[in-house]
Amino acid sequence: MLGNEIQKRTTRKTIHITQIQMKDGSMRSYESESAPTWGVGNSVRLDTAANTVTKL
């Protein structure tokens, strides 16, 4: 039982989910392990091939 709890805590990841409104008004969700460097209202570029989002 103790080993199972240790395993859960060592393999746990935090995932940040960001919703992005596209120019056509549609919404897309983007998941990353690192916290986003942009905030609400910032313009971003979504690279679907590399699965990255960068602030403009």
C-alpha atoms as a PDB file:
ATOM      1  CA  MET A   1       0.000   0.000   0.000  1.00  0.00           C
ATOM      2  CA  LEU A   2       2.777   2.448   0.912  1.00  0.00           C
ATOM      3  CA  GLY A   3       4.712   1.601  -2.270  1.00  0.00           C
ATOM      4  CA  ASN A   4       1.629   2.340  -4.359  1.00  0.00           C
ATOM      5  CA  GLU A   5       1.257   5.811  -2.783  1.00  0.00           C
ATOM      6  CA  ILE A   6       4.947   6.594  -3.359  1.00  0.00           C
ATOM      7  CA  GLN A   7       4.603   5.515  -7.018  1.00  0.00           C
ATOM      8  CA  LYS A   8       1.593   7.839  -7.504  1.00  0.00           C
ATOM      9  CA  ARG A   9       3.427  10.833  -6.058  1.00  0.00           C
ATOM     10  CA  THR A  10       6.620  10.327  -8.086  1.00  0.00           C
ATOM     11  CA  THR A  11       4.855   9.876 -11.438  1.00  0.00           C
ATOM     12  CA  ARG A  12       2.289  12.675 -11.014  1.00  0.00           C
ATOM     13  CA  LYS A  13       2.400  15.449 -13.639  1.00  0.00           C
ATOM     14  CA  THR A  14       0.770  18.854 -13.768  1.00  0.00           C
ATOM     15  CA  ILE A  15      -0.851  19.606 -17.111  1.00  0.00           C
ATOM     16  CA  HIS A  16      -1.863  23.163 -18.042  1.00  0.00           C
ATOM     17  CA  ILE A  17      -4.876  23.377 -20.367  1.00  0.00           C
ATOM     18  CA  THR A  18      -5.330  26.621 -22.287  1.00  0.00           C
ATOM     19  CA  GLN A  19      -8.245  27.447 -24.550  1.00  0.00           C
ATOM     20  CA  ILE A  20      -7.408  29.549 -27.584  1.00  0.00           C
ATOM     21  CA  GLN A  21      -9.976  31.438 -29.645  1.00  0.00           C
ATOM     22  CA  MET A  22      -9.081  31.292 -33.317  1.00  0.00           C
ATOM     23  CA  LYS A  23      -9.664  34.167 -35.771  1.00  0.00           C
ATOM     24  CA  ASP A  24     -12.766  32.400 -37.130  1.00  0.00           C
ATOM     25  CA  GLY A  25     -14.248  32.319 -33.597  1.00  0.00           C
ATOM     26  CA  SER A  26     -13.727  28.596 -33.000  1.00  0.00           C
ATOM     27  CA  MET A  27     -12.066  27.416 -29.780  1.00  0.00           C
ATOM     28  CA  ARG A  28      -9.107  25.024 -29.467  1.00  0.00           C
ATOM     29  CA  SER A  29      -7.608  23.481 -26.361  1.00  0.00           C
ATOM     30  CA  TYR A  30      -3.842  23.239 -25.916  1.00  0.00           C
ATOM     31  CA  GLU A  31      -2.163  21.104 -23.246  1.00  0.00           C
ATOM     32  CA  SER A  32       1.393  21.553 -21.963  1.00  0.00           C
ATOM     33  CA  GLU A  33       3.483  20.516 -18.981  1.00  0.00           C
ATOM     34  CA  SER A  34       4.910  24.022 -18.528  1.00  0.00           C
ATOM     35  CA  ALA A  35       2.867  27.044 -17.483  1.00  0.00           C
ATOM     36  CA  PRO A  36       1.942  29.352 -20.359  1.00  0.00           C
ATOM     37  CA  THR A  37       3.898  32.594 -20.765  1.00  0.00           C
ATOM     38  CA  TRP A  38       0.868  34.480 -22.080  1.00  0.00           C
ATOM     39  CA  GLY A  39      -2.256  35.757 -20.418  1.00  0.00           C
ATOM     40  CA  VAL A  40      -5.901  36.416 -21.207  1.00  0.00           C
ATOM     41  CA  GLY A  41      -6.248  38.666 -24.243  1.00  0.00           C
ATOM     42  CA  ASN A  42      -2.720  38.098 -25.607  1.00  0.00           C
ATOM     43  CA  SER A  43      -2.283  37.201 -29.280  1.00  0.00           C
ATOM     44  CA  VAL A  44      -0.544  33.869 -29.812  1.00  0.00           C
ATOM     45  CA  ARG A  45       0.673  31.753 -32.706  1.00  0.00           C
ATOM     46  CA  LEU A  46      -0.326  28.084 -32.749  1.00  0.00           C
ATOM     47  CA  ASP A  47       2.033  25.705 -34.558  1.00  0.00           C
ATOM     48  CA  THR A  48       0.017  22.517 -34.967  1.00  0.00           C
ATOM     49  CA  ALA A  49       2.910  20.597 -36.548  1.00  0.00           C
ATOM     50  CA  ALA A  50       5.185  21.192 -33.532  1.00  0.00           C
ATOM     51  CA  ASN A  51       2.258  21.360 -31.056  1.00  0.00           C
ATOM     52  CA  THR A  52       3.499  24.664 -29.619  1.00  0.00           C
ATOM     53  CA  VAL A  53       1.994  28.043 -28.787  1.00  0.00           C
ATOM     54  CA  THR A  54       4.081  31.230 -28.707  1.00  0.00           C
ATOM     55  CA  LYS A  55       3.133  34.745 -27.661  1.00  0.00           C
ATOM     56  CA  LEU A  56       3.260  37.368 -30.406  1.00  0.00           C
END
